[in-house]
Amino acid sequence: MKDLLLPVLIERFKIERFKNEGFKIGRFKNEGFNIERFKIEIYRMEEIMIKDQTQVKKAEDSRTENSYLLMPGHINGYGRLFGGMLMQWIDEIAGIVAKRHAQTEVTTAAIDNLQFKSAAYLNQTVVLIGKISYVGRTSMEVRVDTYVEELNGTRKVINRAYVVMVAIDKEGNPVRIPGLALETEAARAEWEGGEKRYQLRKTRRQEGY
């Protein structure tokens, strides 16, 4: 668990505590960087850093994939997949991902940055893949990528969306959720993007949008 927490703690707090206490990177370089010593200092701050998020989970733990064969009822008047149908599927898969991560009921707070890149047509196979990209105290952002899968198995992205879900209890009150382990550079980059999107949403709320 400690090794799993390490990248989260480093990424979230940017070793500010080290700077405050004089454990600067330059000093480590001068003395010869010792990863075990670094880990000890990180672990010492673990309780402060993750607050009362007592569990940290991997994005893969809640990753969800759904496939659909496009039928006449999914198609609009122009012969393409109806956008409203795709939005429903996106919301559904985001809800499943969020419930698996939070292990409680969830509700949709926002569908952010919905991008239609290409169309899908009758009898094509559409695949949606959802996974956690960013978490807060009670809310989480789910990235949902939508693909058209060709007969040879290749996939082309036709849509990407970020959905904000909030974990709730039986009374509908927000509840704390597990943290997110950032195990790869891609996960860390996604997290940084999630932080930026969170700040943009916060600004829009403050402006009344």
C-alpha atoms as a PDB file:
ATOM      1  CA  MET A   1       0.000   0.000   0.000  1.00  0.00           C
ATOM      2  CA  LYS A   2       2.832   2.393   0.814  1.00  0.00           C
ATOM      3  CA  ASP A   3       4.473   1.914  -2.580  1.00  0.00           C
ATOM      4  CA  LEU A   4       1.061   2.477  -4.172  1.00  0.00           C
ATOM      5  CA  LEU A   5       0.607   5.711  -2.247  1.00  0.00           C
ATOM      6  CA  LEU A   6       4.039   7.091  -3.064  1.00  0.00           C
ATOM      7  CA  PRO A   7       3.304   8.608  -6.505  1.00  0.00           C
ATOM      8  CA  VAL A   8       0.036  10.080  -5.236  1.00  0.00           C
ATOM      9  CA  LEU A   9       1.714  11.815  -2.345  1.00  0.00           C
ATOM     10  CA  ILE A  10       4.565  13.146  -4.439  1.00  0.00           C
ATOM     11  CA  GLU A  11       2.246  14.398  -7.173  1.00  0.00           C
ATOM     12  CA  ARG A  12      -0.379  15.989  -4.974  1.00  0.00           C
ATOM     13  CA  PHE A  13       1.861  17.873  -2.609  1.00  0.00           C
ATOM     14  CA  LYS A  14       4.867  18.610  -4.843  1.00  0.00           C
ATOM     15  CA  ILE A  15       7.156  18.036  -1.861  1.00  0.00           C
ATOM     16  CA  GLU A  16       6.184  21.407  -0.347  1.00  0.00           C
ATOM     17  CA  ARG A  17       6.713  19.962   3.100  1.00  0.00           C
ATOM     18  CA  PHE A  18      10.289  19.132   2.145  1.00  0.00           C
ATOM     19  CA  LYS A  19      10.902  22.727   1.112  1.00  0.00           C
ATOM     20  CA  ASN A  20       9.476  24.012   4.380  1.00  0.00           C
ATOM     21  CA  GLU A  21      11.650  21.685   6.426  1.00  0.00           C
ATOM     22  CA  GLY A  22      14.800  22.285   4.431  1.00  0.00           C
ATOM     23  CA  PHE A  23      14.816  18.944   2.605  1.00  0.00           C
ATOM     24  CA  LYS A  24      15.429  20.546  -0.771  1.00  0.00           C
ATOM     25  CA  ILE A  25      16.266  18.650  -3.916  1.00  0.00           C
ATOM     26  CA  GLY A  26      19.615  20.420  -4.140  1.00  0.00           C
ATOM     27  CA  ARG A  27      20.541  19.122  -0.725  1.00  0.00           C
ATOM     28  CA  PHE A  28      19.630  15.576  -1.747  1.00  0.00           C
ATOM     29  CA  LYS A  29      21.776  15.927  -4.848  1.00  0.00           C
ATOM     30  CA  ASN A  30      24.716  17.212  -2.867  1.00  0.00           C
ATOM     31  CA  GLU A  31      24.485  14.408  -0.337  1.00  0.00           C
ATOM     32  CA  GLY A  32      23.606  11.711  -2.861  1.00  0.00           C
ATOM     33  CA  PHE A  33      19.906  11.059  -3.372  1.00  0.00           C
ATOM     34  CA  ASN A  34      18.610   8.269  -1.143  1.00  0.00           C
ATOM     35  CA  ILE A  35      15.231   6.966  -2.278  1.00  0.00           C
ATOM     36  CA  GLU A  36      14.661   5.045   0.952  1.00  0.00           C
ATOM     37  CA  ARG A  37      15.153   8.187   2.987  1.00  0.00           C
ATOM     38  CA  PHE A  38      12.830  10.014   0.625  1.00  0.00           C
ATOM     39  CA  LYS A  39      10.172   7.314   1.094  1.00  0.00           C
ATOM     40  CA  ILE A  40      10.480   7.478   4.864  1.00  0.00           C
ATOM     41  CA  GLU A  41       9.810  11.212   4.819  1.00  0.00           C
ATOM     42  CA  ILE A  42       6.866  10.746   2.454  1.00  0.00           C
ATOM     43  CA  TYR A  43       5.377   7.967   4.577  1.00  0.00           C
ATOM     44  CA  ARG A  44       5.794  10.110   7.699  1.00  0.00           C
ATOM     45  CA  MET A  45       3.460  12.653   6.135  1.00  0.00           C
ATOM     46  CA  GLU A  46       1.033  10.095   4.753  1.00  0.00           C
ATOM     47  CA  GLU A  47      -1.785  10.690   7.223  1.00  0.00           C
ATOM     48  CA  ILE A  48      -1.665  14.450   6.722  1.00  0.00           C
ATOM     49  CA  MET A  49      -1.479  14.229   2.969  1.00  0.00           C
ATOM     50  CA  ILE A  50      -4.358  11.878   2.270  1.00  0.00           C
ATOM     51  CA  LYS A  51      -6.413  13.323   5.144  1.00  0.00           C
ATOM     52  CA  ASP A  52      -9.130  10.805   5.925  1.00  0.00           C
ATOM     53  CA  GLN A  53      -9.198   9.200   2.486  1.00  0.00           C
ATOM     54  CA  THR A  54      -8.326   5.860   4.045  1.00  0.00           C
ATOM     55  CA  GLN A  55      -8.088   3.971   0.773  1.00  0.00           C
ATOM     56  CA  VAL A  56      -6.254   4.601  -2.465  1.00  0.00           C
ATOM     57  CA  LYS A  57      -7.392   2.737  -5.572  1.00  0.00           C
ATOM     58  CA  LYS A  58      -6.057   2.266  -9.074  1.00  0.00           C
ATOM     59  CA  ALA A  59      -7.911   3.614 -12.091  1.00  0.00           C
ATOM     60  CA  GLU A  60      -7.878   0.073 -13.501  1.00  0.00           C
ATOM     61  CA  ASP A  61      -9.894  -1.134 -10.496  1.00  0.00           C
ATOM     62  CA  SER A  62     -12.986   0.662 -11.816  1.00  0.00           C
ATOM     63  CA  ARG A  63     -12.258   0.723 -15.555  1.00  0.00           C
ATOM     64  CA  THR A  64     -15.403  -0.256 -17.470  1.00  0.00           C
ATOM     65  CA  GLU A  65     -15.964  -1.151 -21.121  1.00  0.00           C
ATOM     66  CA  ASN A  66     -19.360  -1.443 -22.820  1.00  0.00           C
ATOM     67  CA  SER A  67     -20.110  -2.363 -26.436  1.00  0.00           C
ATOM     68  CA  TYR A  68     -23.203  -1.619 -28.530  1.00  0.00           C
ATOM     69  CA  LEU A  69     -24.344  -2.722 -31.981  1.00  0.00           C
ATOM     70  CA  LEU A  70     -26.010   0.266 -33.637  1.00  0.00           C
ATOM     71  CA  MET A  71     -29.632  -0.529 -34.442  1.00  0.00           C
ATOM     72  CA  PRO A  72     -32.269   1.568 -36.280  1.00  0.00           C
ATOM     73  CA  GLY A  73     -33.510   2.988 -32.969  1.00  0.00           C
ATOM     74  CA  HIS A  74     -30.061   4.475 -32.296  1.00  0.00           C
ATOM     75  CA  ILE A  75     -29.887   6.359 -35.602  1.00  0.00           C
ATOM     76  CA  ASN A  76     -31.003   9.941 -36.318  1.00  0.00           C
ATOM     77  CA  GLY A  77     -32.600  11.341 -39.467  1.00  0.00           C
ATOM     78  CA  TYR A  78     -29.214  11.742 -41.123  1.00  0.00           C
ATOM     79  CA  GLY A  79     -28.287   8.069 -40.793  1.00  0.00           C
ATOM     80  CA  ARG A  80     -25.806   8.613 -37.961  1.00  0.00           C
ATOM     81  CA  LEU A  81     -25.740   7.670 -34.282  1.00  0.00           C
ATOM     82  CA  PHE A  82     -28.065  10.019 -32.404  1.00  0.00           C
ATOM     83  CA  GLY A  83     -25.985  12.288 -30.149  1.00  0.00           C
ATOM     84  CA  GLY A  84     -28.515  12.089 -27.331  1.00  0.00           C
ATOM     85  CA  MET A  85     -28.240   8.294 -27.279  1.00  0.00           C
ATOM     86  CA  LEU A  86     -24.467   8.480 -27.030  1.00  0.00           C
ATOM     87  CA  MET A  87     -24.735  10.991 -24.180  1.00  0.00           C
ATOM     88  CA  GLN A  88     -27.005   8.553 -22.328  1.00  0.00           C
ATOM     89  CA  TRP A  89     -24.467   5.746 -22.759  1.00  0.00           C
ATOM     90  CA  ILE A  90     -21.656   8.047 -21.613  1.00  0.00           C
ATOM     91  CA  ASP A  91     -23.589   8.990 -18.477  1.00  0.00           C
ATOM     92  CA  GLU A  92     -24.388   5.340 -17.752  1.00  0.00           C
ATOM     93  CA  ILE A  93     -20.811   4.098 -18.054  1.00  0.00           C
ATOM     94  CA  ALA A  94     -19.498   7.056 -16.040  1.00  0.00           C
ATOM     95  CA  GLY A  95     -21.943   6.152 -13.286  1.00  0.00           C
ATOM     96  CA  ILE A  96     -20.748   2.541 -13.237  1.00  0.00           C
ATOM     97  CA  VAL A  97     -17.095   3.610 -13.074  1.00  0.00           C
ATOM     98  CA  ALA A  98     -17.808   6.066 -10.275  1.00  0.00           C
ATOM     99  CA  LYS A  99     -19.811   3.538  -8.245  1.00  0.00           C
ATOM    100  CA  ARG A 100     -17.018   0.986  -8.550  1.00  0.00           C
ATOM    101  CA  HIS A 101     -14.443   3.515  -7.360  1.00  0.00           C
ATOM    102  CA  ALA A 102     -16.499   5.061  -4.554  1.00  0.00           C
ATOM    103  CA  GLN A 103     -18.327   1.841  -3.610  1.00  0.00           C
ATOM    104  CA  THR A 104     -21.464   3.843  -2.928  1.00  0.00           C
ATOM    105  CA  GLU A 105     -24.266   5.517  -4.859  1.00  0.00           C
ATOM    106  CA  VAL A 106     -23.363   8.423  -7.137  1.00  0.00           C
ATOM    107  CA  THR A 107     -25.083  11.227  -9.004  1.00  0.00           C
ATOM    108  CA  THR A 108     -24.062  13.140 -12.118  1.00  0.00           C
ATOM    109  CA  ALA A 109     -22.880  16.686 -11.391  1.00  0.00           C
ATOM    110  CA  ALA A 110     -21.634  17.755 -14.832  1.00  0.00           C
ATOM    111  CA  ILE A 111     -20.780  16.527 -18.298  1.00  0.00           C
ATOM    112  CA  ASP A 112     -17.701  18.496 -19.223  1.00  0.00           C
ATOM    113  CA  ASN A 113     -15.761  18.861 -22.460  1.00  0.00           C
ATOM    114  CA  LEU A 114     -17.934  16.614 -24.654  1.00  0.00           C
ATOM    115  CA  GLN A 115     -16.205  16.365 -28.041  1.00  0.00           C
ATOM    116  CA  PHE A 116     -17.767  14.724 -31.112  1.00  0.00           C
ATOM    117  CA  LYS A 117     -14.842  13.812 -33.372  1.00  0.00           C
ATOM    118  CA  SER A 118     -16.521  11.571 -35.932  1.00  0.00           C
ATOM    119  CA  ALA A 119     -19.805   9.814 -36.725  1.00  0.00           C
ATOM    120  CA  ALA A 120     -20.982   6.225 -36.299  1.00  0.00           C
ATOM    121  CA  TYR A 121     -23.460   4.455 -38.570  1.00  0.00           C
ATOM    122  CA  LEU A 122     -26.024   1.643 -38.622  1.00  0.00           C
ATOM    123  CA  ASN A 123     -24.657  -1.852 -37.863  1.00  0.00           C
ATOM    124  CA  GLN A 124     -21.326  -0.529 -36.612  1.00  0.00           C
ATOM    125  CA  THR A 125     -19.994  -1.618 -33.226  1.00  0.00           C
ATOM    126  CA  VAL A 126     -19.508   1.226 -30.770  1.00  0.00           C
ATOM    127  CA  VAL A 127     -17.278   0.722 -27.726  1.00  0.00           C
ATOM    128  CA  LEU A 128     -17.226   2.991 -24.673  1.00  0.00           C
ATOM    129  CA  ILE A 129     -14.368   2.856 -22.164  1.00  0.00           C
ATOM    130  CA  GLY A 130     -14.584   4.751 -18.896  1.00  0.00           C
ATOM    131  CA  LYS A 131     -12.012   5.239 -16.156  1.00  0.00           C
ATOM    132  CA  ILE A 132     -11.324   7.590 -13.275  1.00  0.00           C
ATOM    133  CA  SER A 133      -9.084  10.509 -14.233  1.00  0.00           C
ATOM    134  CA  TYR A 134      -9.250  12.765 -11.158  1.00  0.00           C
ATOM    135  CA  VAL A 135     -10.725  12.668  -7.653  1.00  0.00           C
ATOM    136  CA  GLY A 136     -11.540  15.240  -5.016  1.00  0.00           C
ATOM    137  CA  ARG A 137     -12.975  14.737  -1.551  1.00  0.00           C
ATOM    138  CA  THR A 138     -16.473  13.684  -2.600  1.00  0.00           C
ATOM    139  CA  SER A 139     -16.451  14.056  -6.379  1.00  0.00           C
ATOM    140  CA  MET A 140     -14.588  12.302  -9.152  1.00  0.00           C
ATOM    141  CA  GLU A 141     -14.004  12.922 -12.837  1.00  0.00           C
ATOM    142  CA  VAL A 142     -14.542  10.039 -15.248  1.00  0.00           C
ATOM    143  CA  ARG A 143     -13.003  10.075 -18.713  1.00  0.00           C
ATOM    144  CA  VAL A 144     -15.126   8.264 -21.284  1.00  0.00           C
ATOM    145  CA  ASP A 145     -13.688   7.473 -24.717  1.00  0.00           C
ATOM    146  CA  THR A 146     -16.019   6.227 -27.448  1.00  0.00           C
ATOM    147  CA  TYR A 147     -14.728   4.178 -30.377  1.00  0.00           C
ATOM    148  CA  VAL A 148     -16.041   2.634 -33.560  1.00  0.00           C
ATOM    149  CA  GLU A 149     -14.667  -0.898 -33.776  1.00  0.00           C
ATOM    150  CA  GLU A 150     -14.017  -2.163 -37.299  1.00  0.00           C
ATOM    151  CA  LEU A 151     -14.473  -5.787 -38.359  1.00  0.00           C
ATOM    152  CA  ASN A 152     -10.702  -6.348 -38.105  1.00  0.00           C
ATOM    153  CA  GLY A 153     -10.730  -5.193 -34.479  1.00  0.00           C
ATOM    154  CA  THR A 154      -9.159  -1.776 -34.967  1.00  0.00           C
ATOM    155  CA  ARG A 155     -10.758   1.105 -33.097  1.00  0.00           C
ATOM    156  CA  LYS A 156     -11.165   4.772 -33.995  1.00  0.00           C
ATOM    157  CA  VAL A 157     -12.021   7.421 -31.394  1.00  0.00           C
ATOM    158  CA  ILE A 158     -15.265   9.209 -32.240  1.00  0.00           C
ATOM    159  CA  ASN A 159     -15.959  10.970 -28.929  1.00  0.00           C
ATOM    160  CA  ARG A 160     -14.309  11.936 -25.666  1.00  0.00           C
ATOM    161  CA  ALA A 161     -16.078  13.255 -22.597  1.00  0.00           C
ATOM    162  CA  TYR A 162     -15.293  14.039 -18.975  1.00  0.00           C
ATOM    163  CA  VAL A 163     -18.127  13.425 -16.524  1.00  0.00           C
ATOM    164  CA  VAL A 164     -18.142  14.690 -12.942  1.00  0.00           C
ATOM    165  CA  MET A 165     -19.841  12.351 -10.476  1.00  0.00           C
ATOM    166  CA  VAL A 166     -20.505  12.920  -6.767  1.00  0.00           C
ATOM    167  CA  ALA A 167     -20.602  10.097  -4.220  1.00  0.00           C
ATOM    168  CA  ILE A 168     -23.670  10.189  -1.977  1.00  0.00           C
ATOM    169  CA  ASP A 169     -25.121   8.269   0.948  1.00  0.00           C
ATOM    170  CA  LYS A 170     -28.681   6.945   1.276  1.00  0.00           C
ATOM    171  CA  GLU A 171     -29.909  10.407   2.269  1.00  0.00           C
ATOM    172  CA  GLY A 172     -28.299  12.007  -0.771  1.00  0.00           C
ATOM    173  CA  ASN A 173     -25.488  13.687   1.162  1.00  0.00           C
ATOM    174  CA  PRO A 174     -21.963  13.827  -0.331  1.00  0.00           C
ATOM    175  CA  VAL A 175     -19.508  11.334   1.184  1.00  0.00           C
ATOM    176  CA  ARG A 176     -15.739  10.927   1.076  1.00  0.00           C
ATOM    177  CA  ILE A 177     -14.226   8.743  -1.618  1.00  0.00           C
ATOM    178  CA  PRO A 178     -10.952   6.823  -2.013  1.00  0.00           C
ATOM    179  CA  GLY A 179      -7.904   8.538  -3.431  1.00  0.00           C
ATOM    180  CA  LEU A 180      -6.412   7.660  -6.808  1.00  0.00           C
ATOM    181  CA  ALA A 181      -3.041   5.991  -7.367  1.00  0.00           C
ATOM    182  CA  LEU A 182      -1.013   7.647 -10.132  1.00  0.00           C
ATOM    183  CA  GLU A 183       1.135   4.798 -11.375  1.00  0.00           C
ATOM    184  CA  THR A 184       2.106   6.018 -14.850  1.00  0.00           C
ATOM    185  CA  GLU A 185       3.119   9.232 -16.595  1.00  0.00           C
ATOM    186  CA  ALA A 186      -0.154   9.092 -18.529  1.00  0.00           C
ATOM    187  CA  ALA A 187      -2.135   8.890 -15.278  1.00  0.00           C
ATOM    188  CA  ARG A 188      -0.230  11.836 -13.833  1.00  0.00           C
ATOM    189  CA  ALA A 189      -0.807  13.880 -16.989  1.00  0.00           C
ATOM    190  CA  GLU A 190      -4.526  13.040 -16.850  1.00  0.00           C
ATOM    191  CA  TRP A 191      -4.602  14.084 -13.184  1.00  0.00           C
ATOM    192  CA  GLU A 192      -3.014  17.442 -14.007  1.00  0.00           C
ATOM    193  CA  GLY A 193      -5.595  17.955 -16.749  1.00  0.00           C
ATOM    194  CA  GLY A 194      -8.318  17.079 -14.253  1.00  0.00           C
ATOM    195  CA  GLU A 195      -7.028  19.706 -11.828  1.00  0.00           C
ATOM    196  CA  LYS A 196      -7.184  22.339 -14.568  1.00  0.00           C
ATOM    197  CA  ARG A 197     -10.713  21.324 -15.544  1.00  0.00           C
ATOM    198  CA  TYR A 198     -11.744  21.426 -11.879  1.00  0.00           C
ATOM    199  CA  GLN A 199     -10.442  24.985 -11.538  1.00  0.00           C
ATOM    200  CA  LEU A 200     -12.253  26.027 -14.728  1.00  0.00           C
ATOM    201  CA  ARG A 201     -15.520  24.565 -13.432  1.00  0.00           C
ATOM    202  CA  LYS A 202     -14.984  26.339 -10.120  1.00  0.00           C
ATOM    203  CA  THR A 203     -14.433  29.645 -11.924  1.00  0.00           C
ATOM    204  CA  ARG A 204     -17.583  29.167 -13.996  1.00  0.00           C
ATOM    205  CA  ARG A 205     -19.615  28.485 -10.852  1.00  0.00           C
ATOM    206  CA  GLN A 206     -18.271  31.648  -9.238  1.00  0.00           C
ATOM    207  CA  GLU A 207     -19.243  33.609 -12.343  1.00  0.00           C
ATOM    208  CA  GLY A 208     -22.740  32.146 -12.234  1.00  0.00           C
ATOM    209  CA  TYR A 209     -22.438  29.771 -15.208  1.00  0.00           C
END
